[in-house]
Amino acid sequence: MPGLFVACFKIGSLSFGGGLSGWVHREFVQRHGWITDEEFAANLAMAQMFPGVNVVNLVIGLGELLRGPGGAVACLIGFLTTPFFAVLALDGLTRLVADTRGLEAFMEGVAFAAIGMLVVVCGQGIARVRHSPMGLATIIVIAGSVGVLGWSMLPVVLVAAPVSIAFANARIAVDGG
């Protein structure tokens, strides 16, 4: 469990804002090899379906998967320790420089970096299903419905998830495993 705590503490300490699932993927899948890409994708999907902050749900789920309830607690505490104190410090700092142009530029730069990390994770997810026409079709339908047409995500996912699961089960049955 110390390894889980340290990995989550590192993510929580070195990242801020969106795109954190990319950091989690790098630590848990690429750097340490604790889980597979498929396990990460399944846990990320579950984390996004639960209420709350997706990445917090993700690290709790991964901690539970790897070490049970103790792992979930270790990941949660490791992940939130530095951001908790950072938010307190940033609040004091922003009160001092709230009307400066530099703060606006800083926040915009952080947002662009977070978007970049999110694009990387999305690209990796698409690469995993590139040989599955139904998987790609599901991604396109959901992205188009929510991102382009502006439909509410909940009803789109409630319809698309069972259809996608049925297609995946059919593909697994055909592939024999």
N, C-alpha and C. Protein backbone atom coordinates (compact mmCIF):
# COMPACT_ATOMS: atom_id res chain seq x y z
N MET A 1 0.79 -1.21 0.00
CA MET A 1 0.00 0.00 0.00
C MET A 1 0.83 1.27 0.00
N PRO A 2 2.05 1.24 0.54
CA PRO A 2 2.85 2.46 0.45
C PRO A 2 3.10 2.89 -0.99
N GLY A 3 3.24 1.92 -1.89
CA GLY A 3 3.44 2.26 -3.30
C GLY A 3 2.25 2.98 -3.89
N LEU A 4 1.06 2.54 -3.54
CA LEU A 4 -0.15 3.20 -4.02
C LEU A 4 -0.24 4.62 -3.47
N PHE A 5 0.05 4.77 -2.17
CA PHE A 5 0.02 6.09 -1.56
C PHE A 5 1.01 7.02 -2.27
N VAL A 6 2.24 6.55 -2.47
CA VAL A 6 3.28 7.38 -3.08
C VAL A 6 2.89 7.76 -4.51
N ALA A 7 2.38 6.80 -5.28
CA ALA A 7 1.98 7.10 -6.66
C ALA A 7 0.88 8.16 -6.69
N CYS A 8 -0.12 8.00 -5.83
CA CYS A 8 -1.22 8.97 -5.80
C CYS A 8 -0.77 10.31 -5.22
N PHE A 9 0.12 10.27 -4.24
CA PHE A 9 0.67 11.50 -3.69
C PHE A 9 1.43 12.26 -4.78
N LYS A 10 2.19 11.53 -5.58
CA LYS A 10 2.94 12.14 -6.69
C LYS A 10 1.99 12.79 -7.69
N ILE A 11 0.93 12.06 -8.07
CA ILE A 11 -0.04 12.61 -9.02
C ILE A 11 -0.69 13.85 -8.43
N GLY A 12 -1.12 13.75 -7.18
CA GLY A 12 -1.77 14.88 -6.53
C GLY A 12 -0.84 16.07 -6.33
N SER A 13 0.46 15.79 -6.19
CA SER A 13 1.43 16.86 -5.96
C SER A 13 1.90 17.53 -7.24
N LEU A 14 1.98 16.78 -8.32
CA LEU A 14 2.57 17.30 -9.55
C LEU A 14 1.55 17.74 -10.58
N SER A 15 0.28 17.54 -10.30
CA SER A 15 -0.74 17.91 -11.28
C SER A 15 -1.81 18.75 -10.60
N PHE A 16 -2.50 19.53 -11.39
CA PHE A 16 -3.55 20.38 -10.84
C PHE A 16 -4.56 20.64 -11.92
N GLY A 17 -5.83 20.44 -11.62
CA GLY A 17 -6.88 20.70 -12.59
C GLY A 17 -7.26 19.46 -13.36
N GLY A 18 -7.72 19.64 -14.58
CA GLY A 18 -8.18 18.53 -15.41
C GLY A 18 -7.06 17.72 -16.01
N GLY A 19 -7.42 16.67 -16.71
CA GLY A 19 -6.44 15.82 -17.37
C GLY A 19 -5.73 14.85 -16.44
N LEU A 20 -6.22 14.71 -15.23
CA LEU A 20 -5.53 13.87 -14.25
C LEU A 20 -5.60 12.39 -14.59
N SER A 21 -6.61 11.98 -15.33
CA SER A 21 -6.69 10.56 -15.67
C SER A 21 -5.49 10.15 -16.51
N GLY A 22 -4.93 11.07 -17.26
CA GLY A 22 -3.70 10.78 -18.01
C GLY A 22 -2.53 10.49 -17.08
N TRP A 23 -2.43 11.25 -16.01
CA TRP A 23 -1.37 11.02 -15.02
C TRP A 23 -1.57 9.67 -14.34
N VAL A 24 -2.83 9.37 -13.98
CA VAL A 24 -3.13 8.10 -13.31
C VAL A 24 -2.78 6.94 -14.25
N HIS A 25 -3.14 7.07 -15.51
CA HIS A 25 -2.81 6.02 -16.49
C HIS A 25 -1.31 5.80 -16.57
N ARG A 26 -0.57 6.88 -16.64
CA ARG A 26 0.88 6.77 -16.76
C ARG A 26 1.48 6.06 -15.54
N GLU A 27 1.01 6.40 -14.34
CA GLU A 27 1.56 5.79 -13.12
C GLU A 27 1.13 4.33 -12.97
N PHE A 28 -0.16 4.05 -13.11
CA PHE A 28 -0.68 2.72 -12.81
C PHE A 28 -0.46 1.71 -13.94
N VAL A 29 -0.50 2.16 -15.18
CA VAL A 29 -0.38 1.24 -16.32
C VAL A 29 1.04 1.26 -16.89
N GLN A 30 1.51 2.42 -17.28
CA GLN A 30 2.77 2.51 -18.00
C GLN A 30 3.99 2.39 -17.09
N ARG A 31 4.03 3.13 -16.03
CA ARG A 31 5.22 3.17 -15.18
C ARG A 31 5.33 1.94 -14.27
N HIS A 32 4.25 1.58 -13.57
CA HIS A 32 4.32 0.50 -12.59
C HIS A 32 3.78 -0.84 -13.11
N GLY A 33 2.93 -0.80 -14.14
CA GLY A 33 2.36 -2.03 -14.67
C GLY A 33 1.44 -2.76 -13.69
N TRP A 34 0.81 -2.02 -12.80
CA TRP A 34 -0.07 -2.63 -11.80
C TRP A 34 -1.35 -3.15 -12.42
N ILE A 35 -1.81 -2.49 -13.50
CA ILE A 35 -3.04 -2.89 -14.18
C ILE A 35 -2.82 -2.79 -15.68
N THR A 36 -3.73 -3.39 -16.44
CA THR A 36 -3.67 -3.34 -17.91
C THR A 36 -4.44 -2.12 -18.42
N ASP A 37 -4.25 -1.83 -19.69
CA ASP A 37 -5.01 -0.75 -20.33
C ASP A 37 -6.52 -1.02 -20.22
N GLU A 38 -6.89 -2.28 -20.39
CA GLU A 38 -8.31 -2.63 -20.32
C GLU A 38 -8.88 -2.41 -18.93
N GLU A 39 -8.11 -2.79 -17.89
CA GLU A 39 -8.57 -2.56 -16.52
C GLU A 39 -8.68 -1.06 -16.23
N PHE A 40 -7.72 -0.29 -16.75
CA PHE A 40 -7.79 1.15 -16.56
C PHE A 40 -9.04 1.72 -17.23
N ALA A 41 -9.27 1.32 -18.48
CA ALA A 41 -10.42 1.84 -19.22
C ALA A 41 -11.73 1.48 -18.52
N ALA A 42 -11.84 0.26 -18.04
CA ALA A 42 -13.06 -0.16 -17.33
C ALA A 42 -13.25 0.64 -16.05
N ASN A 43 -12.18 0.85 -15.30
CA ASN A 43 -12.28 1.62 -14.05
C ASN A 43 -12.56 3.08 -14.32
N LEU A 44 -11.99 3.64 -15.39
CA LEU A 44 -12.27 5.03 -15.74
C LEU A 44 -13.73 5.19 -16.12
N ALA A 45 -14.26 4.24 -16.89
CA ALA A 45 -15.68 4.30 -17.26
C ALA A 45 -16.57 4.25 -16.02
N MET A 46 -16.25 3.37 -15.10
CA MET A 46 -17.03 3.28 -13.86
C MET A 46 -16.92 4.57 -13.05
N ALA A 47 -15.71 5.11 -12.96
CA ALA A 47 -15.49 6.35 -12.19
C ALA A 47 -16.31 7.49 -12.76
N GLN A 48 -16.46 7.53 -14.07
CA GLN A 48 -17.20 8.60 -14.70
C GLN A 48 -18.70 8.45 -14.51
N MET A 49 -19.16 7.24 -14.23
CA MET A 49 -20.60 7.03 -14.05
C MET A 49 -21.05 7.38 -12.63
N PHE A 50 -20.14 7.35 -11.67
CA PHE A 50 -20.50 7.67 -10.29
C PHE A 50 -20.49 9.18 -10.07
N PRO A 51 -21.31 9.65 -9.13
CA PRO A 51 -21.28 11.09 -8.83
C PRO A 51 -19.96 11.45 -8.17
N GLY A 52 -19.57 12.69 -8.31
CA GLY A 52 -18.34 13.16 -7.70
C GLY A 52 -17.27 13.43 -8.73
N VAL A 53 -16.09 13.66 -8.25
CA VAL A 53 -14.95 13.98 -9.11
C VAL A 53 -14.43 12.69 -9.73
N ASN A 54 -14.38 12.64 -11.05
CA ASN A 54 -14.01 11.42 -11.76
C ASN A 54 -12.68 10.84 -11.31
N VAL A 55 -11.65 11.67 -11.21
CA VAL A 55 -10.32 11.14 -10.89
C VAL A 55 -10.25 10.65 -9.45
N VAL A 56 -11.00 11.25 -8.55
CA VAL A 56 -11.05 10.75 -7.17
C VAL A 56 -11.73 9.38 -7.17
N ASN A 57 -12.84 9.27 -7.88
CA ASN A 57 -13.50 7.98 -8.02
C ASN A 57 -12.55 6.94 -8.63
N LEU A 58 -11.76 7.38 -9.61
CA LEU A 58 -10.83 6.48 -10.29
C LEU A 58 -9.76 5.95 -9.34
N VAL A 59 -9.10 6.83 -8.59
CA VAL A 59 -8.03 6.36 -7.70
C VAL A 59 -8.60 5.50 -6.58
N ILE A 60 -9.80 5.80 -6.11
CA ILE A 60 -10.43 4.96 -5.10
C ILE A 60 -10.69 3.57 -5.68
N GLY A 61 -11.24 3.53 -6.89
CA GLY A 61 -11.53 2.25 -7.54
C GLY A 61 -10.28 1.43 -7.81
N LEU A 62 -9.23 2.09 -8.26
CA LEU A 62 -7.98 1.38 -8.53
C LEU A 62 -7.34 0.88 -7.24
N GLY A 63 -7.39 1.70 -6.20
CA GLY A 63 -6.86 1.26 -4.91
C GLY A 63 -7.62 0.05 -4.39
N GLU A 64 -8.94 0.08 -4.53
CA GLU A 64 -9.78 -1.06 -4.11
C GLU A 64 -9.44 -2.30 -4.94
N LEU A 65 -9.29 -2.13 -6.23
CA LEU A 65 -8.95 -3.25 -7.12
C LEU A 65 -7.63 -3.89 -6.72
N LEU A 66 -6.65 -3.08 -6.41
CA LEU A 66 -5.30 -3.59 -6.15
C LEU A 66 -5.08 -4.07 -4.71
N ARG A 67 -5.66 -3.39 -3.72
CA ARG A 67 -5.36 -3.73 -2.32
C ARG A 67 -6.58 -3.70 -1.40
N GLY A 68 -7.78 -3.68 -1.96
CA GLY A 68 -8.98 -3.69 -1.13
C GLY A 68 -9.25 -2.32 -0.51
N PRO A 69 -10.04 -2.30 0.57
CA PRO A 69 -10.41 -1.03 1.20
C PRO A 69 -9.21 -0.21 1.66
N GLY A 70 -8.18 -0.87 2.17
CA GLY A 70 -6.97 -0.14 2.59
C GLY A 70 -6.30 0.55 1.42
N GLY A 71 -6.29 -0.11 0.27
CA GLY A 71 -5.72 0.50 -0.93
C GLY A 71 -6.51 1.70 -1.38
N ALA A 72 -7.84 1.60 -1.27
CA ALA A 72 -8.70 2.73 -1.64
C ALA A 72 -8.41 3.93 -0.76
N VAL A 73 -8.28 3.70 0.55
CA VAL A 73 -8.00 4.78 1.49
C VAL A 73 -6.60 5.37 1.23
N ALA A 74 -5.61 4.50 1.00
CA ALA A 74 -4.25 4.97 0.73
C ALA A 74 -4.22 5.85 -0.51
N CYS A 75 -4.90 5.43 -1.56
CA CYS A 75 -4.94 6.23 -2.80
C CYS A 75 -5.64 7.56 -2.58
N LEU A 76 -6.75 7.53 -1.88
CA LEU A 76 -7.51 8.75 -1.64
C LEU A 76 -6.70 9.76 -0.83
N ILE A 77 -6.13 9.32 0.27
CA ILE A 77 -5.35 10.24 1.11
C ILE A 77 -4.12 10.73 0.37
N GLY A 78 -3.43 9.82 -0.32
CA GLY A 78 -2.25 10.23 -1.08
C GLY A 78 -2.59 11.26 -2.14
N PHE A 79 -3.70 11.04 -2.82
CA PHE A 79 -4.09 11.93 -3.91
C PHE A 79 -4.53 13.30 -3.42
N LEU A 80 -5.22 13.37 -2.29
CA LEU A 80 -5.81 14.64 -1.85
C LEU A 80 -4.96 15.46 -0.89
N THR A 81 -3.89 14.90 -0.34
CA THR A 81 -3.10 15.63 0.66
C THR A 81 -2.53 16.93 0.10
N THR A 82 -1.75 16.86 -0.93
CA THR A 82 -1.11 18.06 -1.48
C THR A 82 -2.13 19.05 -2.05
N PRO A 83 -3.14 18.59 -2.84
CA PRO A 83 -4.12 19.56 -3.34
C PRO A 83 -4.86 20.31 -2.23
N PHE A 84 -5.13 19.65 -1.13
CA PHE A 84 -5.82 20.31 -0.02
C PHE A 84 -5.03 21.53 0.45
N PHE A 85 -3.74 21.32 0.71
CA PHE A 85 -2.91 22.43 1.18
C PHE A 85 -2.60 23.42 0.06
N ALA A 86 -2.51 22.93 -1.17
CA ALA A 86 -2.26 23.82 -2.30
C ALA A 86 -3.42 24.79 -2.51
N VAL A 87 -4.63 24.30 -2.37
CA VAL A 87 -5.80 25.16 -2.54
C VAL A 87 -5.82 26.25 -1.48
N LEU A 88 -5.48 25.90 -0.26
CA LEU A 88 -5.42 26.92 0.79
C LEU A 88 -4.37 27.98 0.46
N ALA A 89 -3.20 27.54 0.01
CA ALA A 89 -2.13 28.48 -0.34
C ALA A 89 -2.50 29.32 -1.56
N LEU A 90 -3.09 28.69 -2.57
CA LEU A 90 -3.49 29.43 -3.77
C LEU A 90 -4.58 30.45 -3.47
N ASP A 91 -5.47 30.13 -2.56
CA ASP A 91 -6.50 31.09 -2.18
C ASP A 91 -5.86 32.36 -1.61
N GLY A 92 -4.90 32.17 -0.74
CA GLY A 92 -4.21 33.35 -0.18
C GLY A 92 -3.46 34.12 -1.25
N LEU A 93 -2.80 33.40 -2.16
CA LEU A 93 -2.04 34.05 -3.22
C LEU A 93 -2.94 34.81 -4.19
N THR A 94 -4.04 34.19 -4.59
CA THR A 94 -4.91 34.86 -5.55
C THR A 94 -5.56 36.11 -4.96
N ARG A 95 -5.76 36.13 -3.67
CA ARG A 95 -6.29 37.33 -3.04
C ARG A 95 -5.30 38.50 -3.18
N LEU A 96 -4.00 38.17 -3.22
CA LEU A 96 -2.98 39.20 -3.37
C LEU A 96 -2.84 39.70 -4.81
N VAL A 97 -3.06 38.82 -5.78
CA VAL A 97 -2.80 39.17 -7.18
C VAL A 97 -4.05 39.05 -8.06
N ALA A 98 -5.22 39.13 -7.47
CA ALA A 98 -6.48 38.87 -8.19
C ALA A 98 -6.69 39.77 -9.39
N ASP A 99 -6.21 40.98 -9.37
CA ASP A 99 -6.47 41.92 -10.46
C ASP A 99 -5.32 42.03 -11.46
N THR A 100 -4.40 41.08 -11.44
CA THR A 100 -3.26 41.16 -12.36
C THR A 100 -3.50 40.31 -13.59
N ARG A 101 -2.90 40.74 -14.68
CA ARG A 101 -3.01 40.03 -15.96
C ARG A 101 -2.25 38.72 -15.94
N GLY A 102 -1.20 38.62 -15.16
CA GLY A 102 -0.40 37.40 -15.10
C GLY A 102 -1.18 36.21 -14.59
N LEU A 103 -2.09 36.43 -13.66
CA LEU A 103 -2.89 35.35 -13.12
C LEU A 103 -3.78 34.76 -14.21
N GLU A 104 -4.39 35.61 -15.01
CA GLU A 104 -5.25 35.14 -16.09
C GLU A 104 -4.45 34.30 -17.09
N ALA A 105 -3.27 34.74 -17.46
CA ALA A 105 -2.43 33.99 -18.39
C ALA A 105 -2.01 32.65 -17.80
N PHE A 106 -1.68 32.65 -16.51
CA PHE A 106 -1.29 31.41 -15.84
C PHE A 106 -2.43 30.41 -15.88
N MET A 107 -3.63 30.83 -15.52
CA MET A 107 -4.78 29.94 -15.48
C MET A 107 -5.11 29.42 -16.88
N GLU A 108 -4.98 30.23 -17.89
CA GLU A 108 -5.23 29.79 -19.26
C GLU A 108 -4.20 28.74 -19.68
N GLY A 109 -2.95 28.94 -19.32
CA GLY A 109 -1.91 27.96 -19.64
C GLY A 109 -2.14 26.63 -18.96
N VAL A 110 -2.56 26.65 -17.72
CA VAL A 110 -2.87 25.42 -17.00
C VAL A 110 -4.04 24.69 -17.67
N ALA A 111 -5.04 25.44 -18.09
CA ALA A 111 -6.19 24.83 -18.76
C ALA A 111 -5.77 24.16 -20.06
N PHE A 112 -4.90 24.79 -20.84
CA PHE A 112 -4.43 24.18 -22.09
C PHE A 112 -3.65 22.90 -21.83
N ALA A 113 -2.84 22.89 -20.79
CA ALA A 113 -2.09 21.68 -20.45
C ALA A 113 -3.03 20.55 -20.06
N ALA A 114 -4.06 20.85 -19.30
CA ALA A 114 -5.03 19.83 -18.89
C ALA A 114 -5.78 19.28 -20.09
N ILE A 115 -6.15 20.14 -21.01
CA ILE A 115 -6.84 19.70 -22.22
C ILE A 115 -5.92 18.77 -23.03
N GLY A 116 -4.64 19.10 -23.09
CA GLY A 116 -3.69 18.25 -23.79
C GLY A 116 -3.62 16.86 -23.21
N MET A 117 -3.59 16.76 -21.87
CA MET A 117 -3.56 15.44 -21.22
C MET A 117 -4.84 14.66 -21.53
N LEU A 118 -5.98 15.33 -21.54
CA LEU A 118 -7.24 14.68 -21.84
C LEU A 118 -7.25 14.15 -23.28
N VAL A 119 -6.71 14.93 -24.20
CA VAL A 119 -6.64 14.50 -25.60
C VAL A 119 -5.78 13.24 -25.74
N VAL A 120 -4.68 13.18 -25.00
CA VAL A 120 -3.82 11.99 -25.02
C VAL A 120 -4.58 10.76 -24.56
N VAL A 121 -5.30 10.86 -23.44
CA VAL A 121 -6.06 9.72 -22.91
C VAL A 121 -7.14 9.30 -23.90
N CYS A 122 -7.82 10.27 -24.50
CA CYS A 122 -8.85 9.95 -25.49
C CYS A 122 -8.24 9.24 -26.70
N GLY A 123 -7.10 9.72 -27.15
CA GLY A 123 -6.42 9.09 -28.27
C GLY A 123 -6.02 7.65 -27.96
N GLN A 124 -5.56 7.41 -26.74
CA GLN A 124 -5.20 6.04 -26.34
C GLN A 124 -6.44 5.15 -26.29
N GLY A 125 -7.55 5.69 -25.84
CA GLY A 125 -8.79 4.92 -25.81
C GLY A 125 -9.27 4.57 -27.21
N ILE A 126 -9.19 5.52 -28.11
CA ILE A 126 -9.59 5.26 -29.50
C ILE A 126 -8.66 4.25 -30.14
N ALA A 127 -7.37 4.34 -29.85
CA ALA A 127 -6.41 3.38 -30.41
C ALA A 127 -6.73 1.95 -29.95
N ARG A 128 -7.22 1.79 -28.73
CA ARG A 128 -7.54 0.45 -28.22
C ARG A 128 -8.71 -0.17 -28.97
N VAL A 129 -9.64 0.64 -29.48
CA VAL A 129 -10.82 0.09 -30.16
C VAL A 129 -10.77 0.29 -31.67
N ARG A 130 -9.63 0.65 -32.21
CA ARG A 130 -9.55 0.96 -33.65
C ARG A 130 -9.92 -0.23 -34.54
N HIS A 131 -9.82 -1.45 -34.03
CA HIS A 131 -10.17 -2.63 -34.82
C HIS A 131 -11.60 -3.09 -34.56
N SER A 132 -12.34 -2.30 -33.83
CA SER A 132 -13.73 -2.63 -33.51
C SER A 132 -14.65 -1.58 -34.11
N PRO A 133 -15.25 -1.89 -35.25
CA PRO A 133 -16.16 -0.90 -35.87
C PRO A 133 -17.28 -0.45 -34.94
N MET A 134 -17.82 -1.37 -34.15
CA MET A 134 -18.90 -1.00 -33.24
C MET A 134 -18.38 -0.12 -32.10
N GLY A 135 -17.17 -0.38 -31.64
CA GLY A 135 -16.58 0.47 -30.61
C GLY A 135 -16.36 1.88 -31.12
N LEU A 136 -15.81 1.98 -32.32
CA LEU A 136 -15.61 3.30 -32.93
C LEU A 136 -16.94 4.00 -33.18
N ALA A 137 -17.93 3.24 -33.62
CA ALA A 137 -19.26 3.82 -33.87
C ALA A 137 -19.85 4.36 -32.56
N THR A 138 -19.67 3.62 -31.47
CA THR A 138 -20.18 4.07 -30.18
C THR A 138 -19.52 5.38 -29.76
N ILE A 139 -18.20 5.45 -29.93
CA ILE A 139 -17.48 6.67 -29.59
C ILE A 139 -17.98 7.85 -30.42
N ILE A 140 -18.16 7.62 -31.71
CA ILE A 140 -18.61 8.69 -32.62
C ILE A 140 -20.02 9.14 -32.26
N VAL A 141 -20.91 8.19 -31.99
CA VAL A 141 -22.29 8.53 -31.65
C VAL A 141 -22.35 9.34 -30.35
N ILE A 142 -21.62 8.89 -29.33
CA ILE A 142 -21.66 9.60 -28.05
C ILE A 142 -21.01 10.98 -28.18
N ALA A 143 -19.84 11.04 -28.82
CA ALA A 143 -19.16 12.33 -28.99
C ALA A 143 -20.02 13.29 -29.82
N GLY A 144 -20.64 12.78 -30.87
CA GLY A 144 -21.50 13.62 -31.70
C GLY A 144 -22.75 14.08 -30.98
N SER A 145 -23.36 13.17 -30.25
CA SER A 145 -24.60 13.51 -29.54
C SER A 145 -24.37 14.54 -28.44
N VAL A 146 -23.33 14.32 -27.65
CA VAL A 146 -23.07 15.20 -26.52
C VAL A 146 -22.27 16.44 -26.95
N GLY A 147 -21.17 16.20 -27.69
CA GLY A 147 -20.27 17.29 -28.04
C GLY A 147 -20.75 18.19 -29.15
N VAL A 148 -21.40 17.62 -30.16
CA VAL A 148 -21.83 18.41 -31.32
C VAL A 148 -23.28 18.86 -31.18
N LEU A 149 -24.17 17.91 -30.88
CA LEU A 149 -25.59 18.25 -30.79
C LEU A 149 -25.98 18.86 -29.45
N GLY A 150 -25.12 18.70 -28.44
CA GLY A 150 -25.37 19.30 -27.13
C GLY A 150 -26.41 18.57 -26.30
N TRP A 151 -26.64 17.28 -26.60
CA TRP A 151 -27.59 16.51 -25.81
C TRP A 151 -27.02 16.25 -24.43
N SER A 152 -27.88 16.03 -23.47
CA SER A 152 -27.46 15.73 -22.11
C SER A 152 -26.73 14.38 -22.07
N MET A 153 -25.62 14.35 -21.35
CA MET A 153 -24.79 13.14 -21.33
C MET A 153 -25.51 11.95 -20.70
N LEU A 154 -26.25 12.15 -19.62
CA LEU A 154 -26.86 11.04 -18.91
C LEU A 154 -27.78 10.21 -19.79
N PRO A 155 -28.76 10.79 -20.49
CA PRO A 155 -29.62 9.95 -21.33
C PRO A 155 -28.84 9.29 -22.48
N VAL A 156 -27.87 10.00 -23.02
CA VAL A 156 -27.07 9.42 -24.12
C VAL A 156 -26.34 8.18 -23.62
N VAL A 157 -25.70 8.28 -22.47
CA VAL A 157 -24.95 7.14 -21.93
C VAL A 157 -25.91 6.03 -21.50
N LEU A 158 -27.05 6.39 -20.93
CA LEU A 158 -28.01 5.36 -20.52
C LEU A 158 -28.52 4.54 -21.70
N VAL A 159 -28.60 5.14 -22.87
CA VAL A 159 -28.99 4.40 -24.07
C VAL A 159 -27.78 3.71 -24.69
N ALA A 160 -26.67 4.42 -24.80
CA ALA A 160 -25.50 3.88 -25.51
C ALA A 160 -24.80 2.76 -24.74
N ALA A 161 -24.75 2.85 -23.42
CA ALA A 161 -24.01 1.84 -22.63
C ALA A 161 -24.58 0.43 -22.82
N PRO A 162 -25.89 0.21 -22.67
CA PRO A 162 -26.39 -1.16 -22.87
C PRO A 162 -26.19 -1.66 -24.29
N VAL A 163 -26.34 -0.76 -25.27
CA VAL A 163 -26.13 -1.16 -26.66
C VAL A 163 -24.67 -1.55 -26.87
N SER A 164 -23.77 -0.74 -26.35
CA SER A 164 -22.34 -1.02 -26.48
C SER A 164 -21.96 -2.32 -25.78
N ILE A 165 -22.52 -2.57 -24.60
CA ILE A 165 -22.24 -3.80 -23.86
C ILE A 165 -22.75 -5.00 -24.66
N ALA A 166 -23.93 -4.88 -25.24
CA ALA A 166 -24.48 -5.98 -26.05
C ALA A 166 -23.57 -6.27 -27.25
N PHE A 167 -23.10 -5.22 -27.92
CA PHE A 167 -22.19 -5.44 -29.05
C PHE A 167 -20.88 -6.09 -28.60
N ALA A 168 -20.34 -5.63 -27.46
CA ALA A 168 -19.10 -6.21 -26.95
C ALA A 168 -19.29 -7.69 -26.58
N ASN A 169 -20.42 -8.02 -25.93
CA ASN A 169 -20.70 -9.42 -25.61
C ASN A 169 -20.83 -10.27 -26.85
N ALA A 170 -21.50 -9.73 -27.87
CA ALA A 170 -21.63 -10.47 -29.13
C ALA A 170 -20.27 -10.69 -29.79
N ARG A 171 -19.41 -9.67 -29.74
CA ARG A 171 -18.07 -9.81 -30.33
C ARG A 171 -17.24 -10.84 -29.57
N ILE A 172 -17.34 -10.82 -28.24
CA ILE A 172 -16.61 -11.79 -27.42
C ILE A 172 -17.11 -13.21 -27.69
N ALA A 173 -18.42 -13.36 -27.86
CA ALA A 173 -18.98 -14.68 -28.14
C ALA A 173 -18.50 -15.19 -29.49
N VAL A 174 -18.45 -14.30 -30.48
CA VAL A 174 -17.98 -14.69 -31.82
C VAL A 174 -16.50 -15.03 -31.81
N ASP A 175 -15.72 -14.22 -31.06
CA ASP A 175 -14.27 -14.45 -30.99
C ASP A 175 -13.92 -15.67 -30.15
N GLY A 176 -14.89 -16.18 -29.40
CA GLY A 176 -14.66 -17.38 -28.61
C GLY A 176 -14.01 -17.13 -27.26
N GLY A 177 -14.22 -15.96 -26.70
CA GLY A 177 -13.63 -15.85 -25.41
C GLY A 177 -13.73 -14.61 -24.74
